[in-house]
C-alpha atoms as a PDB file:
ATOM      1  CA  UNK A   1      16.308  -8.976 -32.396  1.00  0.00           C
ATOM      2  CA  UNK A   2      16.286  -8.085 -28.677  1.00  0.00           C
ATOM      3  CA  UNK A   3      19.452  -8.919 -26.807  1.00  0.00           C
ATOM      4  CA  UNK A   4      19.433 -11.577 -24.049  1.00  0.00           C
ATOM      5  CA  UNK A   5      19.911  -8.833 -21.466  1.00  0.00           C
ATOM      6  CA  UNK A   6      16.885  -6.940 -22.824  1.00  0.00           C
ATOM      7  CA  UNK A   7      14.798 -10.116 -22.614  1.00  0.00           C
ATOM      8  CA  UNK A   8      16.002 -10.602 -19.035  1.00  0.00           C
ATOM      9  CA  UNK A   9      14.932  -7.074 -18.106  1.00  0.00           C
ATOM     10  CA  UNK A  10      11.543  -7.652 -19.743  1.00  0.00           C
ATOM     11  CA  UNK A  11      11.034 -10.924 -17.863  1.00  0.00           C
ATOM     12  CA  UNK A  12      12.086  -9.263 -14.611  1.00  0.00           C
ATOM     13  CA  UNK A  13       9.647  -6.412 -15.146  1.00  0.00           C
ATOM     14  CA  UNK A  14       6.839  -8.807 -16.014  1.00  0.00           C
ATOM     15  CA  UNK A  15       7.517 -10.783 -12.841  1.00  0.00           C
ATOM     16  CA  UNK A  16       7.564  -7.548 -10.822  1.00  0.00           C
ATOM     17  CA  UNK A  17       4.291  -6.429 -12.441  1.00  0.00           C
ATOM     18  CA  UNK A  18       2.654  -9.757 -11.576  1.00  0.00           C
ATOM     19  CA  UNK A  19       3.914  -9.414  -8.003  1.00  0.00           C
ATOM     20  CA  UNK A  20       2.591  -5.853  -7.850  1.00  0.00           C
ATOM     21  CA  UNK A  21      -0.890  -6.910  -8.949  1.00  0.00           C
ATOM     22  CA  UNK A  22      -0.960  -9.830  -6.495  1.00  0.00           C
ATOM     23  CA  UNK A  23       0.300  -7.512  -3.750  1.00  0.00           C
ATOM     24  CA  UNK A  24      -2.461  -4.997  -4.485  1.00  0.00           C
ATOM     25  CA  UNK A  25      -5.048  -7.786  -4.346  1.00  0.00           C
ATOM     26  CA  UNK A  26      -3.610  -9.005  -1.030  1.00  0.00           C
ATOM     27  CA  UNK A  27      -3.853  -5.579   0.605  1.00  0.00           C
ATOM     28  CA  UNK A  28      -7.409  -5.280  -0.757  1.00  0.00           C
ATOM     29  CA  UNK A  29      -8.400  -7.757   1.954  1.00  0.00           C
ATOM     30  CA  UNK A  30      -7.256  -5.321   4.660  1.00  0.00           C
ATOM     31  CA  UNK A  31     -10.511  -3.291   4.906  1.00  0.00           C
ATOM     32  CA  UNK A  32     -12.401  -6.550   5.475  1.00  0.00           C
ATOM     33  CA  UNK A  33      -9.960  -7.665   8.163  1.00  0.00           C
ATOM     34  CA  UNK A  34     -10.109  -4.228   9.813  1.00  0.00           C
ATOM     35  CA  UNK A  35     -13.912  -4.287   9.707  1.00  0.00           C
ATOM     36  CA  UNK A  36     -13.959  -7.736  11.355  1.00  0.00           C
ATOM     37  CA  UNK A  37     -11.279  -6.925  13.949  1.00  0.00           C
ATOM     38  CA  UNK A  38     -12.332  -7.201  17.595  1.00  0.00           C
ATOM     39  CA  UNK A  39      -9.840  -4.556  18.791  1.00  0.00           C
ATOM     40  CA  UNK A  40      -9.621  -0.826  18.069  1.00  0.00           C
ATOM     41  CA  UNK A  41      -8.298   0.611  14.795  1.00  0.00           C
ATOM     42  CA  UNK A  42      -4.886   1.613  16.158  1.00  0.00           C
ATOM     43  CA  UNK A  43      -4.445  -1.732  17.927  1.00  0.00           C
ATOM     44  CA  UNK A  44      -5.391  -3.438  14.667  1.00  0.00           C
ATOM     45  CA  UNK A  45      -2.644  -1.467  12.916  1.00  0.00           C
ATOM     46  CA  UNK A  46      -0.181  -2.510  15.627  1.00  0.00           C
ATOM     47  CA  UNK A  47      -1.003  -6.189  15.150  1.00  0.00           C
ATOM     48  CA  UNK A  48      -0.950  -5.801  11.372  1.00  0.00           C
ATOM     49  CA  UNK A  49       2.756  -4.969  11.496  1.00  0.00           C
ATOM     50  CA  UNK A  50       4.054  -6.737  14.605  1.00  0.00           C
ATOM     51  CA  UNK A  51       2.448 -10.117  13.833  1.00  0.00           C
ATOM     52  CA  UNK A  52       4.018  -9.938  10.378  1.00  0.00           C
ATOM     53  CA  UNK A  53       7.534  -9.837  11.864  1.00  0.00           C
ATOM     54  CA  UNK A  54       7.936 -13.648  12.417  1.00  0.00           C
ATOM     55  CA  UNK A  55       7.133 -14.663   8.803  1.00  0.00           C
ATOM     56  CA  UNK A  56       9.156 -11.715   7.509  1.00  0.00           C
ATOM     57  CA  UNK A  57      12.094 -12.855   9.654  1.00  0.00           C
ATOM     58  CA  UNK A  58      11.796 -16.326   8.086  1.00  0.00           C
ATOM     59  CA  UNK A  59      11.691 -14.771   4.604  1.00  0.00           C
ATOM     60  CA  UNK A  60      14.845 -12.856   5.476  1.00  0.00           C
ATOM     61  CA  UNK A  61      16.651 -15.897   6.909  1.00  0.00           C
ATOM     62  CA  UNK A  62      15.875 -18.032   3.860  1.00  0.00           C
ATOM     63  CA  UNK A  63      16.149 -15.333   1.200  1.00  0.00           C
ATOM     64  CA  UNK A  64      17.778 -16.313  -2.114  1.00  0.00           C
ATOM     65  CA  UNK A  65      21.566 -16.205  -2.259  1.00  0.00           C
ATOM     66  CA  UNK A  66      21.331 -13.653  -5.066  1.00  0.00           C
ATOM     67  CA  UNK A  67      19.873 -11.069  -2.653  1.00  0.00           C
ATOM     68  CA  UNK A  68      22.157 -11.749   0.323  1.00  0.00           C
ATOM     69  CA  UNK A  69      24.913  -9.628  -1.189  1.00  0.00           C
ATOM     70  CA  UNK A  70      22.604  -6.594  -0.933  1.00  0.00           C
ATOM     71  CA  UNK A  71      22.403  -6.834   2.875  1.00  0.00           C
ATOM     72  CA  UNK A  72      25.494  -5.873   4.844  1.00  0.00           C
ATOM     73  CA  UNK A  73      26.139  -7.927   8.026  1.00  0.00           C
ATOM     74  CA  UNK A  74      25.042  -6.511  11.373  1.00  0.00           C
ATOM     75  CA  UNK A  75      22.453  -3.818  11.939  1.00  0.00           C
ATOM     76  CA  UNK A  76      21.280  -2.025   8.785  1.00  0.00           C
ATOM     77  CA  UNK A  77      21.712   1.745   8.410  1.00  0.00           C
ATOM     78  CA  UNK A  78      19.544   3.956  10.611  1.00  0.00           C
ATOM     79  CA  UNK A  79      17.609   5.242   7.586  1.00  0.00           C
ATOM     80  CA  UNK A  80      16.549   1.692   6.727  1.00  0.00           C
ATOM     81  CA  UNK A  81      15.443   1.035  10.296  1.00  0.00           C
ATOM     82  CA  UNK A  82      13.474   4.232  10.854  1.00  0.00           C
ATOM     83  CA  UNK A  83      12.194   5.992   7.753  1.00  0.00           C
ATOM     84  CA  UNK A  84       9.922   3.428   6.023  1.00  0.00           C
ATOM     85  CA  UNK A  85       8.662   2.057   9.324  1.00  0.00           C
ATOM     86  CA  UNK A  86       7.711   5.445  10.736  1.00  0.00           C
ATOM     87  CA  UNK A  87       6.079   6.510   7.470  1.00  0.00           C
ATOM     88  CA  UNK A  88       4.000   3.334   7.317  1.00  0.00           C
ATOM     89  CA  UNK A  89       3.033   3.715  10.977  1.00  0.00           C
ATOM     90  CA  UNK A  90       1.856   7.252  10.189  1.00  0.00           C
ATOM     91  CA  UNK A  91      -0.118   5.936   7.219  1.00  0.00           C
ATOM     92  CA  UNK A  92      -1.954   3.370   9.365  1.00  0.00           C
ATOM     93  CA  UNK A  93      -2.523   5.736  12.290  1.00  0.00           C
ATOM     94  CA  UNK A  94      -3.983   8.605  10.261  1.00  0.00           C
ATOM     95  CA  UNK A  95      -6.010   6.253   8.042  1.00  0.00           C
ATOM     96  CA  UNK A  96      -7.684   4.568  11.005  1.00  0.00           C
ATOM     97  CA  UNK A  97      -8.147   7.886  12.813  1.00  0.00           C
ATOM     98  CA  UNK A  98      -9.708   9.539   9.761  1.00  0.00           C
ATOM     99  CA  UNK A  99     -12.480   6.944   9.674  1.00  0.00           C
ATOM    100  CA  UNK A 100     -13.618   8.183  13.101  1.00  0.00           C
ATOM    101  CA  UNK A 101     -14.021  11.790  11.884  1.00  0.00           C
ATOM    102  CA  UNK A 102     -15.289  11.422   8.323  1.00  0.00           C
ATOM    103  CA  UNK A 103     -17.197   8.941   6.214  1.00  0.00           C
ATOM    104  CA  UNK A 104     -15.552   5.719   5.035  1.00  0.00           C
ATOM    105  CA  UNK A 105     -16.099   6.890   1.439  1.00  0.00           C
ATOM    106  CA  UNK A 106     -14.339  10.215   2.080  1.00  0.00           C
ATOM    107  CA  UNK A 107     -11.451   8.477   3.849  1.00  0.00           C
ATOM    108  CA  UNK A 108     -11.078   5.909   1.066  1.00  0.00           C
ATOM    109  CA  UNK A 109     -11.198   8.465  -1.718  1.00  0.00           C
ATOM    110  CA  UNK A 110      -8.774  10.984  -0.212  1.00  0.00           C
ATOM    111  CA  UNK A 111      -6.272   8.332   0.912  1.00  0.00           C
ATOM    112  CA  UNK A 112      -6.179   7.021  -2.661  1.00  0.00           C
ATOM    113  CA  UNK A 113      -4.598  10.254  -3.850  1.00  0.00           C
ATOM    114  CA  UNK A 114      -1.260   8.639  -2.933  1.00  0.00           C
ATOM    115  CA  UNK A 115      -0.331   8.130  -6.642  1.00  0.00           C
ATOM    116  CA  UNK A 116      -0.330  11.921  -7.072  1.00  0.00           C
ATOM    117  CA  UNK A 117       2.095  12.239  -4.139  1.00  0.00           C
ATOM    118  CA  UNK A 118       4.241   9.388  -5.458  1.00  0.00           C
ATOM    119  CA  UNK A 119       4.368  10.825  -8.982  1.00  0.00           C
ATOM    120  CA  UNK A 120       5.540  14.186  -7.642  1.00  0.00           C
ATOM    121  CA  UNK A 121       8.086  12.510  -5.357  1.00  0.00           C
ATOM    122  CA  UNK A 122       9.295  10.192  -8.121  1.00  0.00           C
ATOM    123  CA  UNK A 123       9.982  13.217 -10.293  1.00  0.00           C
ATOM    124  CA  UNK A 124      11.669  15.271  -7.565  1.00  0.00           C
ATOM    125  CA  UNK A 125      13.469  12.571  -5.525  1.00  0.00           C
ATOM    126  CA  UNK A 126      13.934   9.581  -7.819  1.00  0.00           C
ATOM    127  CA  UNK A 127      14.403  11.640 -11.005  1.00  0.00           C
ATOM    128  CA  UNK A 128      11.888   9.521 -12.905  1.00  0.00           C
ATOM    129  CA  UNK A 129      10.755  10.800 -16.276  1.00  0.00           C
ATOM    130  CA  UNK A 130       7.036  11.596 -16.108  1.00  0.00           C
ATOM    131  CA  UNK A 131       5.542  11.691 -19.610  1.00  0.00           C
ATOM    132  CA  UNK A 132       2.337  13.498 -20.654  1.00  0.00           C
ATOM    133  CA  UNK A 133       0.844  10.092 -21.529  1.00  0.00           C
ATOM    134  CA  UNK A 134       1.407   8.889 -17.977  1.00  0.00           C
ATOM    135  CA  UNK A 135      -0.193  12.038 -16.546  1.00  0.00           C
ATOM    136  CA  UNK A 136      -3.271  11.345 -18.690  1.00  0.00           C
ATOM    137  CA  UNK A 137      -3.353   7.771 -17.351  1.00  0.00           C
ATOM    138  CA  UNK A 138      -3.019   9.109 -13.805  1.00  0.00           C
ATOM    139  CA  UNK A 139      -5.932  11.508 -14.348  1.00  0.00           C
ATOM    140  CA  UNK A 140      -8.086   8.706 -15.788  1.00  0.00           C
ATOM    141  CA  UNK A 141      -7.360   6.446 -12.817  1.00  0.00           C
ATOM    142  CA  UNK A 142      -8.088   9.172 -10.268  1.00  0.00           C
ATOM    143  CA  UNK A 143     -11.376   9.887 -12.044  1.00  0.00           C
ATOM    144  CA  UNK A 144     -12.163   6.177 -11.798  1.00  0.00           C
ATOM    145  CA  UNK A 145     -11.434   6.270  -8.065  1.00  0.00           C
ATOM    146  CA  UNK A 146     -13.779   9.270  -7.767  1.00  0.00           C
ATOM    147  CA  UNK A 147     -16.499   7.284  -9.496  1.00  0.00           C
ATOM    148  CA  UNK A 148     -15.805   4.234  -7.322  1.00  0.00           C
ATOM    149  CA  UNK A 149     -16.662   5.986  -4.058  1.00  0.00           C
ATOM    150  CA  UNK A 150     -18.113   9.247  -5.371  1.00  0.00           C
ATOM    151  CA  UNK A 151     -21.702   8.211  -4.796  1.00  0.00           C
ATOM    152  CA  UNK A 152     -21.041   8.093  -1.056  1.00  0.00           C
ATOM    153  CA  UNK A 153     -18.706  11.093  -0.909  1.00  0.00           C
ATOM    154  CA  UNK A 154     -19.976  13.854   1.387  1.00  0.00           C
ATOM    155  CA  UNK A 155     -18.851  17.441   1.804  1.00  0.00           C
ATOM    156  CA  UNK A 156     -19.441  19.651   4.809  1.00  0.00           C
ATOM    157  CA  UNK A 157     -17.878  21.281   7.831  1.00  0.00           C
ATOM    158  CA  UNK A 158     -18.469  18.179   9.919  1.00  0.00           C
ATOM    159  CA  UNK A 159     -15.973  16.233   7.823  1.00  0.00           C
ATOM    160  CA  UNK A 160     -13.183  18.760   7.226  1.00  0.00           C
ATOM    161  CA  UNK A 161     -10.927  17.487  10.041  1.00  0.00           C
ATOM    162  CA  UNK A 162     -11.404  13.849   9.059  1.00  0.00           C
ATOM    163  CA  UNK A 163     -10.859  14.659   5.377  1.00  0.00           C
ATOM    164  CA  UNK A 164      -7.563  16.350   6.241  1.00  0.00           C
ATOM    165  CA  UNK A 165      -6.530  13.242   8.182  1.00  0.00           C
ATOM    166  CA  UNK A 166      -7.400  11.043   5.192  1.00  0.00           C
ATOM    167  CA  UNK A 167      -5.360  13.204   2.831  1.00  0.00           C
ATOM    168  CA  UNK A 168      -2.497  13.056   5.360  1.00  0.00           C
ATOM    169  CA  UNK A 169      -2.736   9.292   4.979  1.00  0.00           C
ATOM    170  CA  UNK A 170      -2.096   9.676   1.246  1.00  0.00           C
ATOM    171  CA  UNK A 171       0.983  11.816   1.979  1.00  0.00           C
ATOM    172  CA  UNK A 172       2.398   9.256   4.406  1.00  0.00           C
ATOM    173  CA  UNK A 173       1.787   6.276   2.124  1.00  0.00           C
ATOM    174  CA  UNK A 174       3.135   8.143  -0.882  1.00  0.00           C
ATOM    175  CA  UNK A 175       6.278   9.076   1.057  1.00  0.00           C
ATOM    176  CA  UNK A 176       6.554   5.449   2.232  1.00  0.00           C
ATOM    177  CA  UNK A 177       6.536   4.189  -1.371  1.00  0.00           C
ATOM    178  CA  UNK A 178       9.177   6.740  -2.380  1.00  0.00           C
ATOM    179  CA  UNK A 179      11.371   5.709   0.578  1.00  0.00           C
ATOM    180  CA  UNK A 180      11.019   2.020  -0.281  1.00  0.00           C
ATOM    181  CA  UNK A 181      11.814   2.672  -3.949  1.00  0.00           C
ATOM    182  CA  UNK A 182      14.897   4.678  -2.931  1.00  0.00           C
ATOM    183  CA  UNK A 183      16.167   2.038  -0.489  1.00  0.00           C
ATOM    184  CA  UNK A 184      15.406  -0.970  -2.682  1.00  0.00           C
ATOM    185  CA  UNK A 185      18.431  -0.179  -4.808  1.00  0.00           C
ATOM    186  CA  UNK A 186      20.717  -0.972  -1.849  1.00  0.00           C
ATOM    187  CA  UNK A 187      18.725  -3.408   0.317  1.00  0.00           C
ATOM    188  CA  UNK A 188      16.725  -6.571  -0.257  1.00  0.00           C
ATOM    189  CA  UNK A 189      12.949  -6.683   0.024  1.00  0.00           C
ATOM    190  CA  UNK A 190      13.233  -9.110   2.934  1.00  0.00           C
ATOM    191  CA  UNK A 191      15.501  -6.883   5.033  1.00  0.00           C
ATOM    192  CA  UNK A 192      13.529  -3.754   4.233  1.00  0.00           C
ATOM    193  CA  UNK A 193      10.176  -5.291   5.148  1.00  0.00           C
ATOM    194  CA  UNK A 194      11.476  -6.923   8.331  1.00  0.00           C
ATOM    195  CA  UNK A 195      12.901  -3.743   9.838  1.00  0.00           C
ATOM    196  CA  UNK A 196      10.188  -1.381   8.627  1.00  0.00           C
ATOM    197  CA  UNK A 197       7.452  -3.641  10.020  1.00  0.00           C
ATOM    198  CA  UNK A 198       9.185  -3.920  13.386  1.00  0.00           C
ATOM    199  CA  UNK A 199       9.570  -0.138  13.634  1.00  0.00           C
ATOM    200  CA  UNK A 200       5.940   0.410  12.553  1.00  0.00           C
ATOM    201  CA  UNK A 201       4.689  -1.949  15.257  1.00  0.00           C
ATOM    202  CA  UNK A 202       6.807  -0.366  17.984  1.00  0.00           C
ATOM    203  CA  UNK A 203       5.733   3.133  16.905  1.00  0.00           C
ATOM    204  CA  UNK A 204       2.030   2.203  16.963  1.00  0.00           C
ATOM    205  CA  UNK A 205       2.112   0.452  20.352  1.00  0.00           C
ATOM    206  CA  UNK A 206       2.184   3.637  22.492  1.00  0.00           C
ATOM    207  CA  UNK A 207      -0.498   5.147  20.275  1.00  0.00           C
ATOM    208  CA  UNK A 208      -2.799   2.285  21.260  1.00  0.00           C
ATOM    209  CA  UNK A 209      -2.509   3.481  24.860  1.00  0.00           C
ATOM    210  CA  UNK A 210      -2.971   7.135  23.849  1.00  0.00           C
ATOM    211  CA  UNK A 211      -6.179   6.231  21.974  1.00  0.00           C
ATOM    212  CA  UNK A 212      -7.441   4.242  24.975  1.00  0.00           C
ATOM    213  CA  UNK A 213      -7.866   0.993  23.059  1.00  0.00           C
ATOM    214  CA  UNK A 214      -7.671  -2.543  24.426  1.00  0.00           C
ATOM    215  CA  UNK A 215      -5.005  -4.865  23.100  1.00  0.00           C
ATOM    216  CA  UNK A 216      -6.475  -8.359  23.487  1.00  0.00           C
ATOM    217  CA  UNK A 217      -9.190  -9.667  21.163  1.00  0.00           C
ATOM    218  CA  UNK A 218     -11.717 -11.687  23.166  1.00  0.00           C
ATOM    219  CA  UNK A 219     -12.092 -14.653  20.778  1.00  0.00           C
ATOM    220  CA  UNK A 220      -9.988 -16.961  18.630  1.00  0.00           C
ATOM    221  CA  UNK A 221     -11.802 -15.561  15.612  1.00  0.00           C
ATOM    222  CA  UNK A 222     -10.501 -12.129  16.548  1.00  0.00           C
ATOM    223  CA  UNK A 223      -6.945 -13.454  16.682  1.00  0.00           C
ATOM    224  CA  UNK A 224      -7.403 -15.260  13.353  1.00  0.00           C
ATOM    225  CA  UNK A 225      -8.568 -11.975  11.790  1.00  0.00           C
ATOM    226  CA  UNK A 226      -5.445 -10.164  13.019  1.00  0.00           C
ATOM    227  CA  UNK A 227      -3.142 -12.923  11.776  1.00  0.00           C
ATOM    228  CA  UNK A 228      -4.884 -12.837   8.401  1.00  0.00           C
ATOM    229  CA  UNK A 229      -4.365  -9.075   8.203  1.00  0.00           C
ATOM    230  CA  UNK A 230      -0.701  -9.395   9.205  1.00  0.00           C
ATOM    231  CA  UNK A 231       0.248 -12.352   7.054  1.00  0.00           C
ATOM    232  CA  UNK A 232      -1.877 -11.825   3.933  1.00  0.00           C
ATOM    233  CA  UNK A 233      -2.223  -8.055   3.609  1.00  0.00           C
ATOM    234  CA  UNK A 234       1.097  -7.022   5.148  1.00  0.00           C
ATOM    235  CA  UNK A 235       3.710  -9.782   4.993  1.00  0.00           C
ATOM    236  CA  UNK A 236       2.580 -10.957   1.557  1.00  0.00           C
ATOM    237  CA  UNK A 237       0.956  -7.893   0.006  1.00  0.00           C
ATOM    238  CA  UNK A 238       3.353  -5.160   1.105  1.00  0.00           C
ATOM    239  CA  UNK A 239       6.381  -7.407   0.477  1.00  0.00           C
ATOM    240  CA  UNK A 240       5.324  -7.979  -3.132  1.00  0.00           C
ATOM    241  CA  UNK A 241       4.799  -4.238  -3.593  1.00  0.00           C
ATOM    242  CA  UNK A 242       8.243  -3.540  -2.094  1.00  0.00           C
ATOM    243  CA  UNK A 243       9.755  -6.141  -4.439  1.00  0.00           C
ATOM    244  CA  UNK A 244       8.086  -4.503  -7.443  1.00  0.00           C
ATOM    245  CA  UNK A 245       9.393  -1.072  -6.431  1.00  0.00           C
ATOM    246  CA  UNK A 246      12.898  -2.406  -6.994  1.00  0.00           C
ATOM    247  CA  UNK A 247      12.116  -3.200 -10.634  1.00  0.00           C
ATOM    248  CA  UNK A 248       9.385  -0.801 -11.779  1.00  0.00           C
ATOM    249  CA  UNK A 249       9.022   2.999 -11.641  1.00  0.00           C
ATOM    250  CA  UNK A 250       7.484   4.159  -8.374  1.00  0.00           C
ATOM    251  CA  UNK A 251       4.988   6.386 -10.197  1.00  0.00           C
ATOM    252  CA  UNK A 252       3.669   3.474 -12.258  1.00  0.00           C
ATOM    253  CA  UNK A 253       3.666   1.119  -9.263  1.00  0.00           C
ATOM    254  CA  UNK A 254       1.580   3.507  -7.165  1.00  0.00           C
ATOM    255  CA  UNK A 255      -0.977   3.695  -9.958  1.00  0.00           C
ATOM    256  CA  UNK A 256      -1.248  -0.097 -10.206  1.00  0.00           C
ATOM    257  CA  UNK A 257      -1.900  -0.220  -6.451  1.00  0.00           C
ATOM    258  CA  UNK A 258      -5.216   1.548  -7.221  1.00  0.00           C
ATOM    259  CA  UNK A 259      -6.402  -1.970  -8.045  1.00  0.00           C
ATOM    260  CA  UNK A 260      -6.734  -2.253  -4.255  1.00  0.00           C
ATOM    261  CA  UNK A 261      -9.916  -0.136  -3.809  1.00  0.00           C
ATOM    262  CA  UNK A 262     -11.457  -1.798  -6.870  1.00  0.00           C
ATOM    263  CA  UNK A 263     -10.780  -5.262  -5.468  1.00  0.00           C
ATOM    264  CA  UNK A 264     -11.828  -4.164  -1.957  1.00  0.00           C
ATOM    265  CA  UNK A 265     -15.219  -3.062  -3.293  1.00  0.00           C
ATOM    266  CA  UNK A 266     -15.610  -6.445  -5.017  1.00  0.00           C
ATOM    267  CA  UNK A 267     -14.569  -8.389  -1.914  1.00  0.00           C
ATOM    268  CA  UNK A 268     -16.923  -6.286   0.221  1.00  0.00           C
ATOM    269  CA  UNK A 269     -19.786  -7.221  -2.106  1.00  0.00           C
ATOM    270  CA  UNK A 270     -18.743 -10.880  -2.139  1.00  0.00           C
ATOM    271  CA  UNK A 271     -18.151 -11.461   1.588  1.00  0.00           C
ATOM    272  CA  UNK A 272     -19.775  -8.596   3.484  1.00  0.00           C
ATOM    273  CA  UNK A 273     -22.885  -8.194   1.372  1.00  0.00           C
ATOM    274  CA  UNK A 274     -22.116  -4.562   0.525  1.00  0.00           C
ATOM    275  CA  UNK A 275     -24.000  -3.506  -2.595  1.00  0.00           C
ATOM    276  CA  UNK A 276     -22.245  -2.375  -5.770  1.00  0.00           C
ATOM    277  CA  UNK A 277     -23.870   0.484  -7.673  1.00  0.00           C
ATOM    278  CA  UNK A 278     -23.494   0.878 -11.461  1.00  0.00           C
ATOM    279  CA  UNK A 279     -21.349   3.995 -10.903  1.00  0.00           C
ATOM    280  CA  UNK A 280     -18.961   1.987  -8.717  1.00  0.00           C
ATOM    281  CA  UNK A 281     -18.667  -0.760 -11.329  1.00  0.00           C
ATOM    282  CA  UNK A 282     -17.997   1.842 -14.025  1.00  0.00           C
ATOM    283  CA  UNK A 283     -15.415   3.504 -11.760  1.00  0.00           C
ATOM    284  CA  UNK A 284     -13.587   0.220 -11.298  1.00  0.00           C
ATOM    285  CA  UNK A 285     -13.461  -0.274 -15.075  1.00  0.00           C
ATOM    286  CA  UNK A 286     -12.122   3.269 -15.543  1.00  0.00           C
ATOM    287  CA  UNK A 287      -9.406   2.674 -12.915  1.00  0.00           C
ATOM    288  CA  UNK A 288      -8.300  -0.493 -14.716  1.00  0.00           C
ATOM    289  CA  UNK A 289      -8.351   1.376 -18.019  1.00  0.00           C
ATOM    290  CA  UNK A 290      -6.119   4.085 -16.555  1.00  0.00           C
ATOM    291  CA  UNK A 291      -3.665   1.440 -15.350  1.00  0.00           C
ATOM    292  CA  UNK A 292      -3.533  -0.091 -18.847  1.00  0.00           C
ATOM    293  CA  UNK A 293      -2.872   3.363 -20.313  1.00  0.00           C
ATOM    294  CA  UNK A 294      -0.086   3.866 -17.763  1.00  0.00           C
ATOM    295  CA  UNK A 295       1.454   0.532 -18.740  1.00  0.00           C
ATOM    296  CA  UNK A 296       1.445   1.529 -22.402  1.00  0.00           C
ATOM    297  CA  UNK A 297       3.017   4.886 -21.499  1.00  0.00           C
ATOM    298  CA  UNK A 298       5.695   3.094 -19.481  1.00  0.00           C
ATOM    299  CA  UNK A 299       6.528   0.705 -22.331  1.00  0.00           C
ATOM    300  CA  UNK A 300       6.786   3.592 -24.797  1.00  0.00           C
ATOM    301  CA  UNK A 301       9.008   5.556 -22.430  1.00  0.00           C
ATOM    302  CA  UNK A 302      11.235   2.486 -21.910  1.00  0.00           C
END
């Protein structure tokens, strides 16, 4: 019979897994918000993080007593302030920039190689055990992602620079997930998200000027879009992913986040009228199958 502590761990992991899935679904709305935004891509990234700071500050102020002991009084360590925030700012900047130099399909596909980066980092930095079964699940999921956007994928010299930017996005987001997983052992989700979001916003603000973008959306609808991106995709979605990284292996968590492009394709069909081809539907099913295989591999390893 499992011990009470084992049951507690199982319940905690199930709660984290549910939060991870909901977080992935929340960030799946981000391409729609970005598409509907009335300001430039870098300015949209700035608002995505800076407008999330007020609700994240409230989450931090009213966090459960059980997590308050994780946060030392006063300013947090410099690593907590800078590293995740700068990595996430780099992720947003290069992702939005890549779309200007390559196709959306290329940018989406190459940026979704983040689980490969996370798996390597989890093995090297976090000392996670990576089993052959998990590597098979990772390969299956990546193949599903290839199928999901492969019909629109284009090769050629015109796209090399943009493709490199998109793959740089995967490196930044993968490094961000590793940093969050590393810091979650010593800091609460609320504190981590608050400071990283503030740093991301401040880092992206000068880049808005460098890219020559305007800052003010002309309509209330434009503002509502930015608040939706900040509060749903970032404050809710990224916070749930950060919470899960404190309870689940980073390698597995990054694979589950591949639900995001599957859900984004579905939402694009539902709300933007973007067609879904049979290959895309099959790719989404393969991605979900790879995630289920990864879950089984994780349970066996545990």
